[in-house]
Amino acid sequence: MAIETTAFDAADYIDTPEGVEAFLEDAFESNDPVVIQSALGDVARSKGYAALAVETGMSRAALYKALSETGNPEFATVMKVARALGFELRPVRAAKKPTRTGGGRRRSAPVRKAALR
């Protein structure tokens, strides 16, 4: 007997304000514009493009195109969508990356001439 599968769509499971927030936080933590755009598209589908279009003042078709896999939304569009979903984009200082101590490049231990004989 063959196993039947269905396509997974995150939009089917993002159904609470807390779920939307967690989903978008995770996407933004990736620092990957493609992941963020995809997450915004998933949330837009979960809310309905028509309702989001009213909230953003954009057409449904423009939103759909901007948030699609091949879209390239302007920053203003991302801000409008975030605001319509109840979020603000704010600068938050990133954690410092750990630095290596020791002043840069590591060197190998000196080779003693006696060891080469």
PDB file of N, CA and C in Angstrom:
ATOM      1  N   MET A   1       0.845  -1.168   0.000  1.00  0.00           N
ATOM      2  CA  MET A   1       0.000   0.000   0.000  1.00  0.00           C
ATOM      3  C   MET A   1       0.898   1.242   0.000  1.00  0.00           C
ATOM      4  N   ALA A   2       0.661   2.154  -0.894  1.00  0.00           N
ATOM      5  CA  ALA A   2       1.452   3.379  -1.012  1.00  0.00           C
ATOM      6  C   ALA A   2       1.024   4.397   0.040  1.00  0.00           C
ATOM      7  N   ILE A   3       2.001   5.130   0.516  1.00  0.00           N
ATOM      8  CA  ILE A   3       1.715   6.190   1.489  1.00  0.00           C
ATOM      9  C   ILE A   3       1.336   7.450   0.726  1.00  0.00           C
ATOM     10  N   GLU A   4       0.242   8.059   1.130  1.00  0.00           N
ATOM     11  CA  GLU A   4      -0.192   9.301   0.505  1.00  0.00           C
ATOM     12  C   GLU A   4       0.345  10.477   1.304  1.00  0.00           C
ATOM     13  N   THR A   5       0.863  11.460   0.604  1.00  0.00           N
ATOM     14  CA  THR A   5       1.374  12.660   1.267  1.00  0.00           C
ATOM     15  C   THR A   5       0.701  13.887   0.681  1.00  0.00           C
ATOM     16  N   THR A   6       0.723  14.944   1.444  1.00  0.00           N
ATOM     17  CA  THR A   6       0.207  16.216   0.949  1.00  0.00           C
ATOM     18  C   THR A   6       1.296  17.268   1.122  1.00  0.00           C
ATOM     19  N   ALA A   7       1.239  18.296   0.323  1.00  0.00           N
ATOM     20  CA  ALA A   7       2.225  19.368   0.399  1.00  0.00           C
ATOM     21  C   ALA A   7       2.044  20.130   1.711  1.00  0.00           C
ATOM     22  N   PHE A   8       3.160  20.472   2.339  1.00  0.00           N
ATOM     23  CA  PHE A   8       3.120  21.241   3.577  1.00  0.00           C
ATOM     24  C   PHE A   8       3.038  22.717   3.235  1.00  0.00           C
ATOM     25  N   ASP A   9       2.147  23.431   3.887  1.00  0.00           N
ATOM     26  CA  ASP A   9       2.042  24.869   3.720  1.00  0.00           C
ATOM     27  C   ASP A   9       1.985  25.490   5.110  1.00  0.00           C
ATOM     28  N   ALA A  10       3.046  26.224   5.472  1.00  0.00           N
ATOM     29  CA  ALA A  10       3.121  26.835   6.799  1.00  0.00           C
ATOM     30  C   ALA A  10       1.922  27.735   7.072  1.00  0.00           C
ATOM     31  N   ALA A  11       1.379  28.342   6.029  1.00  0.00           N
ATOM     32  CA  ALA A  11       0.238  29.255   6.201  1.00  0.00           C
ATOM     33  C   ALA A  11      -0.962  28.558   6.844  1.00  0.00           C
ATOM     34  N   ASP A  12      -1.063  27.250   6.688  1.00  0.00           N
ATOM     35  CA  ASP A  12      -2.169  26.499   7.282  1.00  0.00           C
ATOM     36  C   ASP A  12      -2.045  26.392   8.804  1.00  0.00           C
ATOM     37  N   TYR A  13      -0.859  26.670   9.341  1.00  0.00           N
ATOM     38  CA  TYR A  13      -0.611  26.470  10.768  1.00  0.00           C
ATOM     39  C   TYR A  13      -0.322  27.755  11.537  1.00  0.00           C
ATOM     40  N   ILE A  14      -0.237  28.870  10.838  1.00  0.00           N
ATOM     41  CA  ILE A  14       0.025  30.153  11.489  1.00  0.00           C
ATOM     42  C   ILE A  14      -1.337  30.791  11.740  1.00  0.00           C
ATOM     43  N   ASP A  15      -1.899  30.486  12.906  1.00  0.00           N
ATOM     44  CA  ASP A  15      -3.283  30.905  13.128  1.00  0.00           C
ATOM     45  C   ASP A  15      -3.508  31.723  14.397  1.00  0.00           C
ATOM     46  N   THR A  16      -2.437  32.084  15.084  1.00  0.00           N
ATOM     47  CA  THR A  16      -2.581  32.927  16.274  1.00  0.00           C
ATOM     48  C   THR A  16      -1.565  34.071  16.198  1.00  0.00           C
ATOM     49  N   PRO A  17      -1.836  35.176  16.868  1.00  0.00           N
ATOM     50  CA  PRO A  17      -0.851  36.268  16.888  1.00  0.00           C
ATOM     51  C   PRO A  17       0.504  35.811  17.446  1.00  0.00           C
ATOM     52  N   GLU A  18       0.471  34.941  18.443  1.00  0.00           N
ATOM     53  CA  GLU A  18       1.718  34.429  19.008  1.00  0.00           C
ATOM     54  C   GLU A  18       2.461  33.546  18.001  1.00  0.00           C
ATOM     55  N   GLY A  19       1.708  32.788  17.231  1.00  0.00           N
ATOM     56  CA  GLY A  19       2.306  31.949  16.197  1.00  0.00           C
ATOM     57  C   GLY A  19       2.959  32.779  15.106  1.00  0.00           C
ATOM     58  N   VAL A  20       2.279  33.850  14.704  1.00  0.00           N
ATOM     59  CA  VAL A  20       2.835  34.762  13.693  1.00  0.00           C
ATOM     60  C   VAL A  20       4.133  35.366  14.218  1.00  0.00           C
ATOM     61  N   GLU A  21       4.103  35.824  15.460  1.00  0.00           N
ATOM     62  CA  GLU A  21       5.288  36.455  16.046  1.00  0.00           C
ATOM     63  C   GLU A  21       6.469  35.485  16.107  1.00  0.00           C
ATOM     64  N   ALA A  22       6.238  34.284  16.588  1.00  0.00           N
ATOM     65  CA  ALA A  22       7.304  33.288  16.684  1.00  0.00           C
ATOM     66  C   ALA A  22       7.844  32.926  15.301  1.00  0.00           C
ATOM     67  N   PHE A  23       6.942  32.786  14.343  1.00  0.00           N
ATOM     68  CA  PHE A  23       7.337  32.431  12.974  1.00  0.00           C
ATOM     69  C   PHE A  23       8.212  33.520  12.365  1.00  0.00           C
ATOM     70  N   LEU A  24       7.817  34.781  12.526  1.00  0.00           N
ATOM     71  CA  LEU A  24       8.591  35.880  11.961  1.00  0.00           C
ATOM     72  C   LEU A  24       9.903  36.095  12.713  1.00  0.00           C
ATOM     73  N   GLU A  25       9.892  35.935  14.028  1.00  0.00           N
ATOM     74  CA  GLU A  25      11.138  36.058  14.797  1.00  0.00           C
ATOM     75  C   GLU A  25      12.161  35.043  14.306  1.00  0.00           C
ATOM     76  N   ASP A  26      11.713  33.828  14.102  1.00  0.00           N
ATOM     77  CA  ASP A  26      12.608  32.772  13.625  1.00  0.00           C
ATOM     78  C   ASP A  26      13.172  33.125  12.248  1.00  0.00           C
ATOM     79  N   ALA A  27      12.323  33.638  11.381  1.00  0.00           N
ATOM     80  CA  ALA A  27      12.777  34.012  10.040  1.00  0.00           C
ATOM     81  C   ALA A  27      13.804  35.144  10.093  1.00  0.00           C
ATOM     82  N   PHE A  28      13.534  36.169  10.906  1.00  0.00           N
ATOM     83  CA  PHE A  28      14.456  37.289  11.003  1.00  0.00           C
ATOM     84  C   PHE A  28      15.776  36.892  11.656  1.00  0.00           C
ATOM     85  N   GLU A  29      15.755  35.941  12.568  1.00  0.00           N
ATOM     86  CA  GLU A  29      16.984  35.474  13.197  1.00  0.00           C
ATOM     87  C   GLU A  29      17.900  34.781  12.194  1.00  0.00           C
ATOM     88  N   SER A  30      17.344  34.291  11.106  1.00  0.00           N
ATOM     89  CA  SER A  30      18.167  33.624  10.087  1.00  0.00           C
ATOM     90  C   SER A  30      19.059  34.615   9.353  1.00  0.00           C
ATOM     91  N   ASN A  31      18.674  35.891   9.362  1.00  0.00           N
ATOM     92  CA  ASN A  31      19.394  36.935   8.613  1.00  0.00           C
ATOM     93  C   ASN A  31      19.470  36.623   7.117  1.00  0.00           C
ATOM     94  N   ASP A  32      18.556  35.836   6.635  1.00  0.00           N
ATOM     95  CA  ASP A  32      18.518  35.462   5.223  1.00  0.00           C
ATOM     96  C   ASP A  32      17.312  36.140   4.574  1.00  0.00           C
ATOM     97  N   PRO A  33      17.547  37.076   3.647  1.00  0.00           N
ATOM     98  CA  PRO A  33      16.431  37.790   3.022  1.00  0.00           C
ATOM     99  C   PRO A  33      15.418  36.867   2.349  1.00  0.00           C
ATOM    100  N   VAL A  34      15.866  35.771   1.795  1.00  0.00           N
ATOM    101  CA  VAL A  34      14.944  34.843   1.127  1.00  0.00           C
ATOM    102  C   VAL A  34      14.029  34.184   2.158  1.00  0.00           C
ATOM    103  N   VAL A  35      14.579  33.821   3.299  1.00  0.00           N
ATOM    104  CA  VAL A  35      13.778  33.194   4.358  1.00  0.00           C
ATOM    105  C   VAL A  35      12.760  34.198   4.909  1.00  0.00           C
ATOM    106  N   ILE A  36      13.203  35.443   5.110  1.00  0.00           N
ATOM    107  CA  ILE A  36      12.317  36.481   5.634  1.00  0.00           C
ATOM    108  C   ILE A  36      11.175  36.755   4.651  1.00  0.00           C
ATOM    109  N   GLN A  37      11.506  36.888   3.380  1.00  0.00           N
ATOM    110  CA  GLN A  37      10.493  37.137   2.355  1.00  0.00           C
ATOM    111  C   GLN A  37       9.503  35.979   2.288  1.00  0.00           C
ATOM    112  N   SER A  38      10.004  34.771   2.349  1.00  0.00           N
ATOM    113  CA  SER A  38       9.136  33.596   2.311  1.00  0.00           C
ATOM    114  C   SER A  38       8.213  33.564   3.530  1.00  0.00           C
ATOM    115  N   ALA A  39       8.753  33.895   4.693  1.00  0.00           N
ATOM    116  CA  ALA A  39       7.941  33.910   5.919  1.00  0.00           C
ATOM    117  C   ALA A  39       6.852  34.970   5.829  1.00  0.00           C
ATOM    118  N   LEU A  40       7.194  36.144   5.325  1.00  0.00           N
ATOM    119  CA  LEU A  40       6.181  37.191   5.156  1.00  0.00           C
ATOM    120  C   LEU A  40       5.088  36.724   4.191  1.00  0.00           C
ATOM    121  N   GLY A  41       5.483  36.030   3.143  1.00  0.00           N
ATOM    122  CA  GLY A  41       4.507  35.487   2.198  1.00  0.00           C
ATOM    123  C   GLY A  41       3.610  34.443   2.845  1.00  0.00           C
ATOM    124  N   ASP A  42       4.208  33.580   3.686  1.00  0.00           N
ATOM    125  CA  ASP A  42       3.411  32.567   4.387  1.00  0.00           C
ATOM    126  C   ASP A  42       2.393  33.222   5.313  1.00  0.00           C
ATOM    127  N   VAL A  43       2.839  34.247   6.049  1.00  0.00           N
ATOM    128  CA  VAL A  43       1.925  34.941   6.960  1.00  0.00           C
ATOM    129  C   VAL A  43       0.840  35.666   6.163  1.00  0.00           C
ATOM    130  N   ALA A  44       1.209  36.273   5.040  1.00  0.00           N
ATOM    131  CA  ALA A  44       0.223  36.962   4.200  1.00  0.00           C
ATOM    132  C   ALA A  44      -0.849  35.984   3.722  1.00  0.00           C
ATOM    133  N   ARG A  45      -0.416  34.764   3.329  1.00  0.00           N
ATOM    134  CA  ARG A  45      -1.394  33.757   2.901  1.00  0.00           C
ATOM    135  C   ARG A  45      -2.274  33.331   4.069  1.00  0.00           C
ATOM    136  N   SER A  46      -1.694  33.239   5.268  1.00  0.00           N
ATOM    137  CA  SER A  46      -2.491  32.808   6.412  1.00  0.00           C
ATOM    138  C   SER A  46      -3.546  33.847   6.783  1.00  0.00           C
ATOM    139  N   LYS A  47      -3.222  35.134   6.578  1.00  0.00           N
ATOM    140  CA  LYS A  47      -4.162  36.218   6.882  1.00  0.00           C
ATOM    141  C   LYS A  47      -5.105  36.494   5.722  1.00  0.00           C
ATOM    142  N   GLY A  48      -4.644  36.195   4.522  1.00  0.00           N
ATOM    143  CA  GLY A  48      -5.409  36.485   3.317  1.00  0.00           C
ATOM    144  C   GLY A  48      -4.869  37.735   2.652  1.00  0.00           C
ATOM    145  N   TYR A  49      -4.478  37.598   1.401  1.00  0.00           N
ATOM    146  CA  TYR A  49      -3.904  38.733   0.671  1.00  0.00           C
ATOM    147  C   TYR A  49      -4.874  39.894   0.547  1.00  0.00           C
ATOM    148  N   ALA A  50      -6.152  39.603   0.415  1.00  0.00           N
ATOM    149  CA  ALA A  50      -7.135  40.680   0.257  1.00  0.00           C
ATOM    150  C   ALA A  50      -7.176  41.566   1.501  1.00  0.00           C
ATOM    151  N   ALA A  51      -7.203  40.946   2.679  1.00  0.00           N
ATOM    152  CA  ALA A  51      -7.233  41.719   3.924  1.00  0.00           C
ATOM    153  C   ALA A  51      -5.938  42.501   4.108  1.00  0.00           C
ATOM    154  N   LEU A  52      -4.825  41.874   3.771  1.00  0.00           N
ATOM    155  CA  LEU A  52      -3.525  42.542   3.909  1.00  0.00           C
ATOM    156  C   LEU A  52      -3.406  43.696   2.919  1.00  0.00           C
ATOM    157  N   ALA A  53      -3.987  43.543   1.753  1.00  0.00           N
ATOM    158  CA  ALA A  53      -3.961  44.616   0.757  1.00  0.00           C
ATOM    159  C   ALA A  53      -4.673  45.857   1.292  1.00  0.00           C
ATOM    160  N   VAL A  54      -5.794  45.658   1.944  1.00  0.00           N
ATOM    161  CA  VAL A  54      -6.533  46.780   2.527  1.00  0.00           C
ATOM    162  C   VAL A  54      -5.674  47.460   3.587  1.00  0.00           C
ATOM    163  N   GLU A  55      -5.041  46.669   4.450  1.00  0.00           N
ATOM    164  CA  GLU A  55      -4.216  47.204   5.540  1.00  0.00           C
ATOM    165  C   GLU A  55      -2.989  47.969   5.037  1.00  0.00           C
ATOM    166  N   THR A  56      -2.377  47.494   3.949  1.00  0.00           N
ATOM    167  CA  THR A  56      -1.158  48.126   3.444  1.00  0.00           C
ATOM    168  C   THR A  56      -1.432  49.250   2.447  1.00  0.00           C
ATOM    169  N   GLY A  57      -2.633  49.264   1.877  1.00  0.00           N
ATOM    170  CA  GLY A  57      -2.926  50.244   0.834  1.00  0.00           C
ATOM    171  C   GLY A  57      -2.346  49.849  -0.513  1.00  0.00           C
ATOM    172  N   MET A  58      -1.957  48.591  -0.640  1.00  0.00           N
ATOM    173  CA  MET A  58      -1.403  48.080  -1.894  1.00  0.00           C
ATOM    174  C   MET A  58      -2.421  47.142  -2.533  1.00  0.00           C
ATOM    175  N   SER A  59      -2.227  46.855  -3.807  1.00  0.00           N
ATOM    176  CA  SER A  59      -3.133  45.903  -4.449  1.00  0.00           C
ATOM    177  C   SER A  59      -2.753  44.484  -4.043  1.00  0.00           C
ATOM    178  N   ARG A  60      -3.732  43.616  -4.081  1.00  0.00           N
ATOM    179  CA  ARG A  60      -3.497  42.216  -3.763  1.00  0.00           C
ATOM    180  C   ARG A  60      -2.455  41.625  -4.704  1.00  0.00           C
ATOM    181  N   ALA A  61      -2.559  41.957  -5.975  1.00  0.00           N
ATOM    182  CA  ALA A  61      -1.622  41.423  -6.967  1.00  0.00           C
ATOM    183  C   ALA A  61      -0.193  41.897  -6.704  1.00  0.00           C
ATOM    184  N   ALA A  62      -0.034  43.173  -6.312  1.00  0.00           N
ATOM    185  CA  ALA A  62       1.304  43.702  -6.020  1.00  0.00           C
ATOM    186  C   ALA A  62       1.912  43.007  -4.811  1.00  0.00           C
ATOM    187  N   LEU A  63       1.095  42.765  -3.801  1.00  0.00           N
ATOM    188  CA  LEU A  63       1.579  42.053  -2.618  1.00  0.00           C
ATOM    189  C   LEU A  63       1.969  40.626  -2.970  1.00  0.00           C
ATOM    190  N   TYR A  64       1.112  39.958  -3.712  1.00  0.00           N
ATOM    191  CA  TYR A  64       1.383  38.580  -4.093  1.00  0.00           C
ATOM    192  C   TYR A  64       2.692  38.488  -4.872  1.00  0.00           C
ATOM    193  N   LYS A  65       2.880  39.399  -5.808  1.00  0.00           N
ATOM    194  CA  LYS A  65       4.096  39.398  -6.628  1.00  0.00           C
ATOM    195  C   LYS A  65       5.325  39.691  -5.773  1.00  0.00           C
ATOM    196  N   ALA A  66       5.247  40.681  -4.897  1.00  0.00           N
ATOM    197  CA  ALA A  66       6.396  41.069  -4.075  1.00  0.00           C
ATOM    198  C   ALA A  66       6.812  39.966  -3.113  1.00  0.00           C
ATOM    199  N   LEU A  67       5.851  39.218  -2.575  1.00  0.00           N
ATOM    200  CA  LEU A  67       6.145  38.213  -1.559  1.00  0.00           C
ATOM    201  C   LEU A  67       6.258  36.802  -2.127  1.00  0.00           C
ATOM    202  N   SER A  68       6.196  36.676  -3.451  1.00  0.00           N
ATOM    203  CA  SER A  68       6.338  35.358  -4.070  1.00  0.00           C
ATOM    204  C   SER A  68       7.815  34.950  -4.062  1.00  0.00           C
ATOM    205  N   GLU A  69       8.089  33.699  -4.402  1.00  0.00           N
ATOM    206  CA  GLU A  69       9.464  33.194  -4.438  1.00  0.00           C
ATOM    207  C   GLU A  69      10.343  33.992  -5.392  1.00  0.00           C
ATOM    208  N   THR A  70       9.768  34.480  -6.469  1.00  0.00           N
ATOM    209  CA  THR A  70      10.552  35.228  -7.460  1.00  0.00           C
ATOM    210  C   THR A  70      10.462  36.733  -7.260  1.00  0.00           C
ATOM    211  N   GLY A  71       9.716  37.155  -6.252  1.00  0.00           N
ATOM    212  CA  GLY A  71       9.551  38.585  -5.993  1.00  0.00           C
ATOM    213  C   GLY A  71      10.808  39.212  -5.418  1.00  0.00           C
ATOM    214  N   ASN A  72      10.843  40.520  -5.477  1.00  0.00           N
ATOM    215  CA  ASN A  72      11.941  41.280  -4.905  1.00  0.00           C
ATOM    216  C   ASN A  72      11.331  42.542  -4.300  1.00  0.00           C
ATOM    217  N   PRO A  73      10.743  42.405  -3.101  1.00  0.00           N
ATOM    218  CA  PRO A  73      10.000  43.536  -2.541  1.00  0.00           C
ATOM    219  C   PRO A  73      10.911  44.702  -2.167  1.00  0.00           C
ATOM    220  N   GLU A  74      10.404  45.890  -2.350  1.00  0.00           N
ATOM    221  CA  GLU A  74      11.115  47.075  -1.884  1.00  0.00           C
ATOM    222  C   GLU A  74      11.047  47.091  -0.367  1.00  0.00           C
ATOM    223  N   PHE A  75      11.988  47.786   0.242  1.00  0.00           N
ATOM    224  CA  PHE A  75      12.006  47.863   1.695  1.00  0.00           C
ATOM    225  C   PHE A  75      10.714  48.493   2.212  1.00  0.00           C
ATOM    226  N   ALA A  76      10.195  49.473   1.485  1.00  0.00           N
ATOM    227  CA  ALA A  76       8.942  50.121   1.886  1.00  0.00           C
ATOM    228  C   ALA A  76       7.804  49.104   1.943  1.00  0.00           C
ATOM    229  N   THR A  77       7.800  48.150   1.027  1.00  0.00           N
ATOM    230  CA  THR A  77       6.772  47.108   1.019  1.00  0.00           C
ATOM    231  C   THR A  77       6.909  46.225   2.246  1.00  0.00           C
ATOM    232  N   VAL A  78       8.135  45.846   2.575  1.00  0.00           N
ATOM    233  CA  VAL A  78       8.372  45.012   3.756  1.00  0.00           C
ATOM    234  C   VAL A  78       7.893  45.751   5.004  1.00  0.00           C
ATOM    235  N   MET A  79       8.176  47.053   5.081  1.00  0.00           N
ATOM    236  CA  MET A  79       7.735  47.838   6.237  1.00  0.00           C
ATOM    237  C   MET A  79       6.217  47.919   6.310  1.00  0.00           C
ATOM    238  N   LYS A  80       5.558  48.111   5.163  1.00  0.00           N
ATOM    239  CA  LYS A  80       4.090  48.176   5.138  1.00  0.00           C
ATOM    240  C   LYS A  80       3.479  46.860   5.585  1.00  0.00           C
ATOM    241  N   VAL A  81       4.037  45.755   5.104  1.00  0.00           N
ATOM    242  CA  VAL A  81       3.514  44.434   5.467  1.00  0.00           C
ATOM    243  C   VAL A  81       3.723  44.191   6.959  1.00  0.00           C
ATOM    244  N   ALA A  82       4.913  44.494   7.453  1.00  0.00           N
ATOM    245  CA  ALA A  82       5.184  44.304   8.884  1.00  0.00           C
ATOM    246  C   ALA A  82       4.214  45.122   9.730  1.00  0.00           C
ATOM    247  N   ARG A  83       4.010  46.361   9.353  1.00  0.00           N
ATOM    248  CA  ARG A  83       3.101  47.252  10.100  1.00  0.00           C
ATOM    249  C   ARG A  83       1.664  46.724  10.048  1.00  0.00           C
ATOM    250  N   ALA A  84       1.242  46.248   8.877  1.00  0.00           N
ATOM    251  CA  ALA A  84      -0.118  45.716   8.740  1.00  0.00           C
ATOM    252  C   ALA A  84      -0.309  44.457   9.579  1.00  0.00           C
ATOM    253  N   LEU A  85       0.781  43.731   9.833  1.00  0.00           N
ATOM    254  CA  LEU A  85       0.704  42.526  10.650  1.00  0.00           C
ATOM    255  C   LEU A  85       0.862  42.838  12.143  1.00  0.00           C
ATOM    256  N   GLY A  86       1.065  44.131  12.451  1.00  0.00           N
ATOM    257  CA  GLY A  86       1.168  44.535  13.850  1.00  0.00           C
ATOM    258  C   GLY A  86       2.583  44.575  14.388  1.00  0.00           C
ATOM    259  N   PHE A  87       3.569  44.672  13.495  1.00  0.00           N
ATOM    260  CA  PHE A  87       4.964  44.684  13.908  1.00  0.00           C
ATOM    261  C   PHE A  87       5.658  45.952  13.438  1.00  0.00           C
ATOM    262  N   GLU A  88       6.722  46.298  14.119  1.00  0.00           N
ATOM    263  CA  GLU A  88       7.576  47.402  13.710  1.00  0.00           C
ATOM    264  C   GLU A  88       8.974  46.858  13.481  1.00  0.00           C
ATOM    265  N   LEU A  89       9.660  47.413  12.514  1.00  0.00           N
ATOM    266  CA  LEU A  89      11.055  47.045  12.297  1.00  0.00           C
ATOM    267  C   LEU A  89      11.903  48.059  13.062  1.00  0.00           C
ATOM    268  N   ARG A  90      12.698  47.572  13.981  1.00  0.00           N
ATOM    269  CA  ARG A  90      13.523  48.443  14.814  1.00  0.00           C
ATOM    270  C   ARG A  90      14.948  47.925  14.840  1.00  0.00           C
ATOM    271  N   PRO A  91      15.893  48.840  14.933  1.00  0.00           N
ATOM    272  CA  PRO A  91      17.279  48.373  15.039  1.00  0.00           C
ATOM    273  C   PRO A  91      17.549  47.799  16.430  1.00  0.00           C
ATOM    274  N   VAL A  92      18.154  46.658  16.438  1.00  0.00           N
ATOM    275  CA  VAL A  92      18.567  46.018  17.675  1.00  0.00           C
ATOM    276  C   VAL A  92      20.032  45.656  17.495  1.00  0.00           C
ATOM    277  N   ARG A  93      20.841  46.066  18.442  1.00  0.00           N
ATOM    278  CA  ARG A  93      22.272  45.800  18.329  1.00  0.00           C
ATOM    279  C   ARG A  93      22.510  44.296  18.298  1.00  0.00           C
ATOM    280  N   ALA A  94      23.265  43.873  17.303  1.00  0.00           N
ATOM    281  CA  ALA A  94      23.590  42.457  17.152  1.00  0.00           C
ATOM    282  C   ALA A  94      24.638  42.061  18.184  1.00  0.00           C
ATOM    283  N   ALA A  95      24.596  40.821  18.593  1.00  0.00           N
ATOM    284  CA  ALA A  95      25.602  40.303  19.516  1.00  0.00           C
ATOM    285  C   ALA A  95      26.947  40.300  18.803  1.00  0.00           C
ATOM    286  N   LYS A  96      27.983  40.634  19.539  1.00  0.00           N
ATOM    287  CA  LYS A  96      29.323  40.630  18.951  1.00  0.00           C
ATOM    288  C   LYS A  96      29.738  39.211  18.641  1.00  0.00           C
ATOM    289  N   LYS A  97      30.408  39.064  17.514  1.00  0.00           N
ATOM    290  CA  LYS A  97      30.957  37.760  17.167  1.00  0.00           C
ATOM    291  C   LYS A  97      32.184  37.529  18.037  1.00  0.00           C
ATOM    292  N   PRO A  98      32.361  36.307  18.501  1.00  0.00           N
ATOM    293  CA  PRO A  98      33.539  36.046  19.327  1.00  0.00           C
ATOM    294  C   PRO A  98      34.809  36.241  18.509  1.00  0.00           C
ATOM    295  N   THR A  99      35.803  36.851  19.141  1.00  0.00           N
ATOM    296  CA  THR A  99      37.082  37.064  18.462  1.00  0.00           C
ATOM    297  C   THR A  99      38.115  36.132  19.043  1.00  0.00           C
ATOM    298  N   ARG A 100      39.080  35.794  18.200  1.00  0.00           N
ATOM    299  CA  ARG A 100      40.169  34.941  18.653  1.00  0.00           C
ATOM    300  C   ARG A 100      41.161  35.770  19.426  1.00  0.00           C
ATOM    301  N   THR A 101      41.639  35.246  20.512  1.00  0.00           N
ATOM    302  CA  THR A 101      42.669  35.952  21.271  1.00  0.00           C
ATOM    303  C   THR A 101      44.031  35.542  20.757  1.00  0.00           C
ATOM    304  N   GLY A 102      45.018  36.310  21.062  1.00  0.00           N
ATOM    305  CA  GLY A 102      46.371  35.955  20.645  1.00  0.00           C
ATOM    306  C   GLY A 102      46.863  36.815  19.507  1.00  0.00           C
ATOM    307  N   GLY A 103      46.108  37.803  19.125  1.00  0.00           N
ATOM    308  CA  GLY A 103      46.599  38.757  18.139  1.00  0.00           C
ATOM    309  C   GLY A 103      46.597  38.299  16.709  1.00  0.00           C
ATOM    310  N   GLY A 104      45.692  37.464  16.331  1.00  0.00           N
ATOM    311  CA  GLY A 104      45.573  37.160  14.903  1.00  0.00           C
ATOM    312  C   GLY A 104      45.918  35.733  14.559  1.00  0.00           C
ATOM    313  N   ARG A 105      46.734  35.582  13.499  1.00  0.00           N
ATOM    314  CA  ARG A 105      47.019  34.277  12.935  1.00  0.00           C
ATOM    315  C   ARG A 105      47.818  33.411  13.903  1.00  0.00           C
ATOM    316  N   ARG A 106      47.424  32.173  13.998  1.00  0.00           N
ATOM    317  CA  ARG A 106      48.148  31.250  14.864  1.00  0.00           C
ATOM    318  C   ARG A 106      49.364  30.726  14.125  1.00  0.00           C
ATOM    319  N   ARG A 107      50.422  30.554  14.868  1.00  0.00           N
ATOM    320  CA  ARG A 107      51.666  30.048  14.272  1.00  0.00           C
ATOM    321  C   ARG A 107      51.977  28.694  14.879  1.00  0.00           C
ATOM    322  N   SER A 108      52.646  27.898  14.098  1.00  0.00           N
ATOM    323  CA  SER A 108      53.034  26.576  14.609  1.00  0.00           C
ATOM    324  C   SER A 108      54.221  26.749  15.544  1.00  0.00           C
ATOM    325  N   ALA A 109      54.419  25.747  16.353  1.00  0.00           N
ATOM    326  CA  ALA A 109      55.528  25.788  17.292  1.00  0.00           C
ATOM    327  C   ALA A 109      56.837  25.778  16.524  1.00  0.00           C
ATOM    328  N   PRO A 110      57.862  26.454  17.054  1.00  0.00           N
ATOM    329  CA  PRO A 110      59.157  26.475  16.347  1.00  0.00           C
ATOM    330  C   PRO A 110      59.756  25.084  16.270  1.00  0.00           C
ATOM    331  N   VAL A 111      60.367  24.805  15.143  1.00  0.00           N
ATOM    332  CA  VAL A 111      61.013  23.509  14.935  1.00  0.00           C
ATOM    333  C   VAL A 111      62.451  23.641  15.401  1.00  0.00           C
ATOM    334  N   ARG A 112      62.866  22.702  16.223  1.00  0.00           N
ATOM    335  CA  ARG A 112      64.247  22.732  16.711  1.00  0.00           C
ATOM    336  C   ARG A 112      65.130  21.986  15.729  1.00  0.00           C
ATOM    337  N   LYS A 113      66.302  22.547  15.492  1.00  0.00           N
ATOM    338  CA  LYS A 113      67.226  21.928  14.542  1.00  0.00           C
ATOM    339  C   LYS A 113      67.610  20.537  14.970  1.00  0.00           C
ATOM    340  N   ALA A 114      67.725  20.318  16.244  1.00  0.00           N
ATOM    341  CA  ALA A 114      68.120  18.990  16.737  1.00  0.00           C
ATOM    342  C   ALA A 114      67.095  17.941  16.347  1.00  0.00           C
ATOM    343  N   ALA A 115      65.853  18.321  16.271  1.00  0.00           N
ATOM    344  CA  ALA A 115      64.795  17.378  15.933  1.00  0.00           C
ATOM    345  C   ALA A 115      64.833  16.973  14.488  1.00  0.00           C
ATOM    346  N   LEU A 116      65.480  17.767  13.634  1.00  0.00           N
ATOM    347  CA  LEU A 116      65.549  17.452  12.212  1.00  0.00           C
ATOM    348  C   LEU A 116      66.705  16.520  11.872  1.00  0.00           C
ATOM    349  N   ARG A 117      67.647  16.365  12.748  1.00  0.00           N
ATOM    350  CA  ARG A 117      68.859  15.544  12.442  1.00  0.00           C
ATOM    351  C   ARG A 117      68.604  14.093  12.547  1.00  0.00           C
TER     352      ARG A 117
END
